[in-house]
Amino acid sequence: MEPLSNFHWGFLSIGFMRLYHYIILQPISFITEVNLNSIMCPAVSDPFEGPWYRIAAHIHQTLFILLHGKIYCIIGQKFFVPKQTEIKTENTKKKNLIDANGNNIEENDLKGDCCFNSEKLLNGSSFLKED
């Protein structure tokens, strides 16, 4: 999950949405003379009717996408991502990382990889300490 202060995915999806509306939907809408996704003119039930309906729709959709993405991250972090806890052992005074299942995570396993490694995830042996 992305941190709550990171908006890169939100702005990327807004960019793709705008490209889709103006490069794909708008030409098809003009050729077929069908108001696809209210791209040619506001819908009858649209509260943003008038000459500024597109600006209002852009503001509305931008806020909705960013807010929806962050609510999704909050719910995911709260309920679906396992938490890691740190404990200090009394014998070594060293911090041990413990995953959600109570297994120790070695520090040297975390230092080498800065990217996602699916082989280690599937194997699991490099992240679990055998007792």
N, C-alpha and C. Protein backbone atom coordinates (compact mmCIF):
# COMPACT_ATOMS: atom_id res chain seq x y z
N MET A 1 0.84 -1.17 0.00
CA MET A 1 0.00 0.00 0.00
C MET A 1 0.89 1.24 0.00
N GLU A 2 0.43 2.23 -0.70
CA GLU A 2 1.19 3.47 -0.73
C GLU A 2 0.91 4.29 0.52
N PRO A 3 1.87 5.10 0.96
CA PRO A 3 1.63 5.96 2.11
C PRO A 3 0.55 7.00 1.80
N LEU A 4 -0.07 7.52 2.84
CA LEU A 4 -1.15 8.49 2.64
C LEU A 4 -0.65 9.81 2.06
N SER A 5 0.62 10.10 2.18
CA SER A 5 1.16 11.35 1.63
C SER A 5 1.58 11.21 0.16
N ASN A 6 1.49 10.02 -0.41
CA ASN A 6 1.90 9.77 -1.79
C ASN A 6 0.67 9.78 -2.70
N PHE A 7 0.67 10.66 -3.70
CA PHE A 7 -0.46 10.78 -4.61
C PHE A 7 -0.10 10.39 -6.05
N HIS A 8 1.01 9.69 -6.24
CA HIS A 8 1.46 9.36 -7.59
C HIS A 8 0.44 8.51 -8.35
N TRP A 9 -0.10 7.46 -7.71
CA TRP A 9 -1.06 6.59 -8.38
C TRP A 9 -2.35 7.34 -8.69
N GLY A 10 -2.77 8.21 -7.80
CA GLY A 10 -3.98 8.98 -8.05
C GLY A 10 -3.84 9.89 -9.25
N PHE A 11 -2.73 10.62 -9.34
CA PHE A 11 -2.54 11.51 -10.48
C PHE A 11 -2.30 10.74 -11.78
N LEU A 12 -1.68 9.57 -11.70
CA LEU A 12 -1.51 8.74 -12.88
C LEU A 12 -2.86 8.26 -13.40
N SER A 13 -3.74 7.83 -12.50
CA SER A 13 -5.06 7.38 -12.94
C SER A 13 -5.91 8.53 -13.46
N ILE A 14 -5.76 9.72 -12.90
CA ILE A 14 -6.47 10.89 -13.43
C ILE A 14 -5.98 11.19 -14.84
N GLY A 15 -4.69 11.09 -15.07
CA GLY A 15 -4.14 11.32 -16.41
C GLY A 15 -4.67 10.31 -17.42
N PHE A 16 -4.72 9.03 -17.04
CA PHE A 16 -5.26 8.02 -17.94
C PHE A 16 -6.75 8.24 -18.21
N MET A 17 -7.48 8.65 -17.18
CA MET A 17 -8.90 8.92 -17.37
C MET A 17 -9.11 10.07 -18.36
N ARG A 18 -8.33 11.13 -18.22
CA ARG A 18 -8.46 12.27 -19.13
C ARG A 18 -8.07 11.89 -20.56
N LEU A 19 -6.98 11.14 -20.70
CA LEU A 19 -6.58 10.70 -22.04
C LEU A 19 -7.67 9.84 -22.67
N TYR A 20 -8.26 8.94 -21.91
CA TYR A 20 -9.33 8.08 -22.42
C TYR A 20 -10.53 8.92 -22.86
N HIS A 21 -10.91 9.90 -22.06
CA HIS A 21 -12.08 10.72 -22.40
C HIS A 21 -11.85 11.58 -23.64
N TYR A 22 -10.67 12.18 -23.76
CA TYR A 22 -10.45 13.13 -24.85
C TYR A 22 -9.89 12.50 -26.11
N ILE A 23 -9.17 11.36 -26.02
CA ILE A 23 -8.60 10.75 -27.21
C ILE A 23 -9.50 9.64 -27.77
N ILE A 24 -10.21 8.92 -26.90
CA ILE A 24 -11.03 7.81 -27.37
C ILE A 24 -12.52 8.17 -27.39
N LEU A 25 -13.06 8.59 -26.24
CA LEU A 25 -14.51 8.83 -26.17
C LEU A 25 -14.98 10.03 -26.99
N GLN A 26 -14.25 11.13 -26.93
CA GLN A 26 -14.72 12.33 -27.62
C GLN A 26 -14.82 12.16 -29.13
N PRO A 27 -13.80 11.61 -29.83
CA PRO A 27 -13.97 11.41 -31.27
C PRO A 27 -15.12 10.45 -31.62
N ILE A 28 -15.25 9.35 -30.85
CA ILE A 28 -16.36 8.42 -31.10
C ILE A 28 -17.69 9.11 -30.86
N SER A 29 -17.75 9.94 -29.83
CA SER A 29 -18.98 10.66 -29.52
C SER A 29 -19.35 11.64 -30.63
N PHE A 30 -18.38 12.34 -31.19
CA PHE A 30 -18.66 13.28 -32.29
C PHE A 30 -19.08 12.55 -33.57
N ILE A 31 -18.43 11.42 -33.87
CA ILE A 31 -18.75 10.68 -35.08
C ILE A 31 -20.15 10.06 -35.00
N THR A 32 -20.47 9.47 -33.86
CA THR A 32 -21.76 8.79 -33.71
C THR A 32 -22.87 9.71 -33.24
N GLU A 33 -22.55 10.92 -32.85
CA GLU A 33 -23.50 11.89 -32.30
C GLU A 33 -24.26 11.33 -31.09
N VAL A 34 -23.52 10.60 -30.26
CA VAL A 34 -24.05 10.04 -29.03
C VAL A 34 -23.24 10.64 -27.89
N ASN A 35 -23.91 11.08 -26.84
CA ASN A 35 -23.26 11.72 -25.70
C ASN A 35 -22.67 10.66 -24.77
N LEU A 36 -21.54 10.09 -25.15
CA LEU A 36 -20.90 9.04 -24.36
C LEU A 36 -20.29 9.64 -23.09
N ASN A 37 -20.74 9.17 -21.96
CA ASN A 37 -20.21 9.59 -20.66
C ASN A 37 -20.24 11.11 -20.50
N SER A 38 -21.26 11.74 -21.06
CA SER A 38 -21.48 13.20 -20.97
C SER A 38 -20.27 13.98 -21.48
N ILE A 39 -19.65 13.51 -22.56
CA ILE A 39 -18.46 14.18 -23.07
C ILE A 39 -18.81 15.35 -23.99
N MET A 40 -19.94 15.28 -24.70
CA MET A 40 -20.30 16.37 -25.61
C MET A 40 -21.06 17.49 -24.90
N CYS A 41 -21.96 17.11 -24.01
CA CYS A 41 -22.75 18.11 -23.29
C CYS A 41 -23.18 17.50 -21.96
N PRO A 42 -23.59 18.33 -21.01
CA PRO A 42 -23.99 17.76 -19.72
C PRO A 42 -25.26 16.92 -19.85
N ALA A 43 -25.38 15.93 -19.01
CA ALA A 43 -26.57 15.09 -19.00
C ALA A 43 -27.74 15.89 -18.43
N VAL A 44 -28.96 15.40 -18.67
CA VAL A 44 -30.15 16.09 -18.19
C VAL A 44 -30.15 16.16 -16.66
N SER A 45 -29.67 15.10 -16.02
CA SER A 45 -29.66 15.05 -14.55
C SER A 45 -28.38 15.62 -13.95
N ASP A 46 -27.49 16.16 -14.76
CA ASP A 46 -26.20 16.65 -14.29
C ASP A 46 -26.37 17.96 -13.51
N PRO A 47 -25.88 18.03 -12.27
CA PRO A 47 -26.01 19.27 -11.50
C PRO A 47 -25.05 20.37 -11.99
N PHE A 48 -24.10 20.02 -12.85
CA PHE A 48 -23.10 20.98 -13.32
C PHE A 48 -23.43 21.47 -14.73
N GLU A 49 -24.67 21.78 -15.00
CA GLU A 49 -25.01 22.22 -16.35
C GLU A 49 -24.58 23.67 -16.56
N GLY A 50 -24.41 24.03 -17.80
CA GLY A 50 -23.97 25.37 -18.15
C GLY A 50 -22.65 25.33 -18.87
N PRO A 51 -22.08 26.49 -19.16
CA PRO A 51 -20.84 26.52 -19.96
C PRO A 51 -19.62 25.96 -19.23
N TRP A 52 -19.68 25.86 -17.91
CA TRP A 52 -18.53 25.41 -17.14
C TRP A 52 -18.69 23.98 -16.63
N TYR A 53 -19.55 23.19 -17.29
CA TYR A 53 -19.82 21.85 -16.77
C TYR A 53 -18.57 20.96 -16.83
N ARG A 54 -17.73 21.12 -17.85
CA ARG A 54 -16.53 20.28 -17.94
C ARG A 54 -15.52 20.61 -16.84
N ILE A 55 -15.35 21.88 -16.55
CA ILE A 55 -14.44 22.27 -15.46
C ILE A 55 -14.94 21.73 -14.13
N ALA A 56 -16.24 21.85 -13.89
CA ALA A 56 -16.82 21.32 -12.65
C ALA A 56 -16.66 19.80 -12.59
N ALA A 57 -16.86 19.12 -13.72
CA ALA A 57 -16.70 17.67 -13.74
C ALA A 57 -15.25 17.26 -13.49
N HIS A 58 -14.30 18.02 -14.05
CA HIS A 58 -12.88 17.71 -13.81
C HIS A 58 -12.53 17.87 -12.33
N ILE A 59 -13.01 18.93 -11.73
CA ILE A 59 -12.74 19.13 -10.29
C ILE A 59 -13.38 18.03 -9.47
N HIS A 60 -14.63 17.71 -9.79
CA HIS A 60 -15.35 16.66 -9.07
C HIS A 60 -14.65 15.31 -9.20
N GLN A 61 -14.29 14.93 -10.41
CA GLN A 61 -13.66 13.63 -10.63
C GLN A 61 -12.25 13.57 -10.02
N THR A 62 -11.50 14.66 -10.08
CA THR A 62 -10.17 14.67 -9.47
C THR A 62 -10.27 14.47 -7.96
N LEU A 63 -11.16 15.19 -7.32
CA LEU A 63 -11.33 15.03 -5.87
C LEU A 63 -11.82 13.63 -5.52
N PHE A 64 -12.75 13.11 -6.32
CA PHE A 64 -13.29 11.78 -6.04
C PHE A 64 -12.21 10.70 -6.17
N ILE A 65 -11.41 10.75 -7.22
CA ILE A 65 -10.38 9.73 -7.43
C ILE A 65 -9.34 9.78 -6.32
N LEU A 66 -8.88 10.98 -5.96
CA LEU A 66 -7.87 11.08 -4.90
C LEU A 66 -8.43 10.63 -3.56
N LEU A 67 -9.66 11.05 -3.23
CA LEU A 67 -10.27 10.67 -1.97
C LEU A 67 -10.55 9.16 -1.92
N HIS A 68 -11.08 8.63 -2.98
CA HIS A 68 -11.39 7.20 -3.04
C HIS A 68 -10.12 6.36 -2.91
N GLY A 69 -9.04 6.78 -3.56
CA GLY A 69 -7.78 6.05 -3.46
C GLY A 69 -7.21 6.04 -2.05
N LYS A 70 -7.31 7.14 -1.36
CA LYS A 70 -6.78 7.20 0.01
C LYS A 70 -7.67 6.45 1.00
N ILE A 71 -8.99 6.47 0.79
CA ILE A 71 -9.87 5.67 1.64
C ILE A 71 -9.57 4.19 1.45
N TYR A 72 -9.32 3.78 0.21
CA TYR A 72 -8.96 2.40 -0.08
C TYR A 72 -7.66 2.03 0.65
N CYS A 73 -6.67 2.92 0.65
CA CYS A 73 -5.40 2.65 1.34
C CYS A 73 -5.60 2.55 2.85
N ILE A 74 -6.41 3.43 3.41
CA ILE A 74 -6.66 3.40 4.85
C ILE A 74 -7.32 2.09 5.25
N ILE A 75 -8.34 1.68 4.50
CA ILE A 75 -9.03 0.42 4.81
C ILE A 75 -8.08 -0.76 4.63
N GLY A 76 -7.28 -0.74 3.58
CA GLY A 76 -6.35 -1.83 3.35
C GLY A 76 -5.29 -1.93 4.44
N GLN A 77 -4.74 -0.79 4.87
CA GLN A 77 -3.72 -0.80 5.91
C GLN A 77 -4.32 -1.20 7.25
N LYS A 78 -5.54 -0.81 7.50
CA LYS A 78 -6.16 -1.09 8.80
C LYS A 78 -6.56 -2.56 8.93
N PHE A 79 -7.09 -3.15 7.86
CA PHE A 79 -7.68 -4.47 7.99
C PHE A 79 -6.95 -5.60 7.25
N PHE A 80 -6.18 -5.31 6.22
CA PHE A 80 -5.67 -6.38 5.38
C PHE A 80 -4.16 -6.52 5.34
N VAL A 81 -3.39 -5.52 5.74
CA VAL A 81 -1.93 -5.61 5.72
C VAL A 81 -1.45 -6.02 7.10
N PRO A 82 -0.66 -7.11 7.20
CA PRO A 82 -0.17 -7.52 8.51
C PRO A 82 0.80 -6.50 9.07
N LYS A 83 0.72 -6.28 10.36
CA LYS A 83 1.59 -5.31 11.01
C LYS A 83 2.86 -5.98 11.49
N GLN A 84 3.97 -5.24 11.42
CA GLN A 84 5.23 -5.72 11.96
C GLN A 84 5.46 -5.01 13.29
N THR A 85 5.91 -5.76 14.26
CA THR A 85 6.19 -5.18 15.56
C THR A 85 7.66 -5.36 15.87
N GLU A 86 8.18 -4.46 16.67
CA GLU A 86 9.57 -4.56 17.11
C GLU A 86 9.59 -4.91 18.59
N ILE A 87 10.43 -5.87 18.97
CA ILE A 87 10.62 -6.19 20.38
C ILE A 87 12.11 -6.22 20.66
N LYS A 88 12.47 -5.97 21.90
CA LYS A 88 13.87 -6.06 22.30
C LYS A 88 14.04 -7.33 23.12
N THR A 89 15.06 -8.11 22.75
CA THR A 89 15.35 -9.29 23.54
C THR A 89 16.26 -8.88 24.69
N GLU A 90 16.07 -9.48 25.81
CA GLU A 90 16.83 -9.08 26.99
C GLU A 90 18.26 -9.59 26.94
N ASN A 91 18.51 -10.71 26.25
CA ASN A 91 19.86 -11.27 26.20
C ASN A 91 20.80 -10.44 25.34
N THR A 92 20.37 -10.00 24.19
CA THR A 92 21.28 -9.34 23.25
C THR A 92 21.03 -7.84 23.13
N LYS A 93 19.96 -7.35 23.68
CA LYS A 93 19.58 -5.93 23.57
C LYS A 93 19.49 -5.51 22.10
N LYS A 94 19.14 -6.45 21.25
CA LYS A 94 19.04 -6.22 19.82
C LYS A 94 17.57 -6.22 19.44
N LYS A 95 17.20 -5.33 18.53
CA LYS A 95 15.82 -5.29 18.08
C LYS A 95 15.58 -6.43 17.08
N ASN A 96 14.52 -7.16 17.30
CA ASN A 96 14.12 -8.20 16.36
C ASN A 96 12.82 -7.77 15.71
N LEU A 97 12.75 -7.93 14.40
CA LEU A 97 11.51 -7.67 13.69
C LEU A 97 10.69 -8.95 13.67
N ILE A 98 9.42 -8.84 13.98
CA ILE A 98 8.55 -10.00 14.02
C ILE A 98 7.38 -9.74 13.08
N ASP A 99 7.08 -10.70 12.20
CA ASP A 99 5.95 -10.51 11.30
C ASP A 99 4.65 -10.87 12.00
N ALA A 100 3.55 -10.82 11.26
CA ALA A 100 2.23 -11.03 11.86
C ALA A 100 2.05 -12.45 12.38
N ASN A 101 2.82 -13.42 11.88
CA ASN A 101 2.70 -14.80 12.33
C ASN A 101 3.60 -15.11 13.51
N GLY A 102 4.37 -14.14 13.98
CA GLY A 102 5.26 -14.34 15.11
C GLY A 102 6.63 -14.84 14.71
N ASN A 103 6.95 -14.86 13.43
CA ASN A 103 8.26 -15.32 12.96
C ASN A 103 9.26 -14.16 12.96
N ASN A 104 10.51 -14.47 13.31
CA ASN A 104 11.55 -13.45 13.30
C ASN A 104 11.96 -13.13 11.87
N ILE A 105 12.24 -11.86 11.61
CA ILE A 105 12.76 -11.42 10.32
C ILE A 105 14.16 -10.92 10.57
N GLU A 106 15.13 -11.50 9.89
CA GLU A 106 16.52 -11.11 10.05
C GLU A 106 16.78 -9.77 9.37
N GLU A 107 17.61 -8.91 9.99
CA GLU A 107 17.92 -7.61 9.42
C GLU A 107 18.70 -7.73 8.13
N ASN A 108 19.60 -8.70 8.01
CA ASN A 108 20.39 -8.82 6.79
C ASN A 108 19.53 -9.25 5.61
N ASP A 109 18.38 -9.88 5.85
CA ASP A 109 17.46 -10.21 4.77
C ASP A 109 16.79 -8.97 4.22
N LEU A 110 16.64 -7.95 5.03
CA LEU A 110 15.94 -6.74 4.61
C LEU A 110 16.86 -5.73 3.94
N LYS A 111 18.17 -5.77 4.22
CA LYS A 111 19.08 -4.74 3.72
C LYS A 111 19.38 -4.88 2.24
N GLY A 112 19.54 -6.10 1.75
CA GLY A 112 19.99 -6.29 0.38
C GLY A 112 18.98 -5.92 -0.68
N ASP A 113 17.72 -6.19 -0.45
CA ASP A 113 16.71 -5.97 -1.48
C ASP A 113 15.92 -4.71 -1.21
N CYS A 114 15.89 -3.83 -2.19
CA CYS A 114 15.06 -2.65 -2.06
C CYS A 114 13.83 -2.77 -2.95
N CYS A 115 13.75 -3.83 -3.71
CA CYS A 115 12.63 -4.05 -4.63
C CYS A 115 11.91 -5.33 -4.25
N PHE A 116 10.71 -5.50 -4.78
CA PHE A 116 9.92 -6.69 -4.54
C PHE A 116 10.56 -7.88 -5.22
N ASN A 117 10.74 -8.96 -4.50
CA ASN A 117 11.35 -10.16 -5.06
C ASN A 117 10.38 -11.31 -4.86
N SER A 118 9.71 -11.72 -5.94
CA SER A 118 8.68 -12.75 -5.83
C SER A 118 9.27 -14.11 -5.51
N GLU A 119 10.53 -14.36 -5.91
CA GLU A 119 11.14 -15.64 -5.62
C GLU A 119 11.30 -15.82 -4.11
N LYS A 120 11.75 -14.76 -3.43
CA LYS A 120 11.89 -14.85 -1.98
C LYS A 120 10.53 -14.96 -1.31
N LEU A 121 9.52 -14.31 -1.88
CA LEU A 121 8.19 -14.38 -1.30
C LEU A 121 7.63 -15.79 -1.43
N LEU A 122 7.79 -16.40 -2.59
CA LEU A 122 7.27 -17.75 -2.79
C LEU A 122 8.05 -18.77 -1.98
N ASN A 123 9.39 -18.61 -1.94
CA ASN A 123 10.22 -19.54 -1.21
C ASN A 123 10.02 -19.36 0.29
N GLY A 124 10.09 -18.12 0.74
CA GLY A 124 9.86 -17.81 2.13
C GLY A 124 11.02 -18.12 3.04
N SER A 125 12.02 -18.84 2.56
CA SER A 125 13.08 -19.28 3.44
C SER A 125 13.99 -18.16 3.88
N SER A 126 14.15 -17.12 3.06
CA SER A 126 15.07 -16.06 3.43
C SER A 126 14.45 -15.09 4.43
N PHE A 127 13.14 -15.12 4.60
CA PHE A 127 12.50 -14.22 5.54
C PHE A 127 12.14 -14.90 6.86
N LEU A 128 12.19 -16.19 6.91
CA LEU A 128 11.80 -16.91 8.13
C LEU A 128 13.04 -17.46 8.82
N LYS A 129 13.07 -17.35 10.13
CA LYS A 129 14.18 -17.88 10.92
C LYS A 129 13.76 -19.25 11.44
N GLU A 130 14.55 -20.23 11.16
CA GLU A 130 14.26 -21.57 11.64
C GLU A 130 14.79 -21.71 13.06
N ASP A 131 13.96 -22.21 13.94
CA ASP A 131 14.38 -22.41 15.34
C ASP A 131 14.84 -23.82 15.57
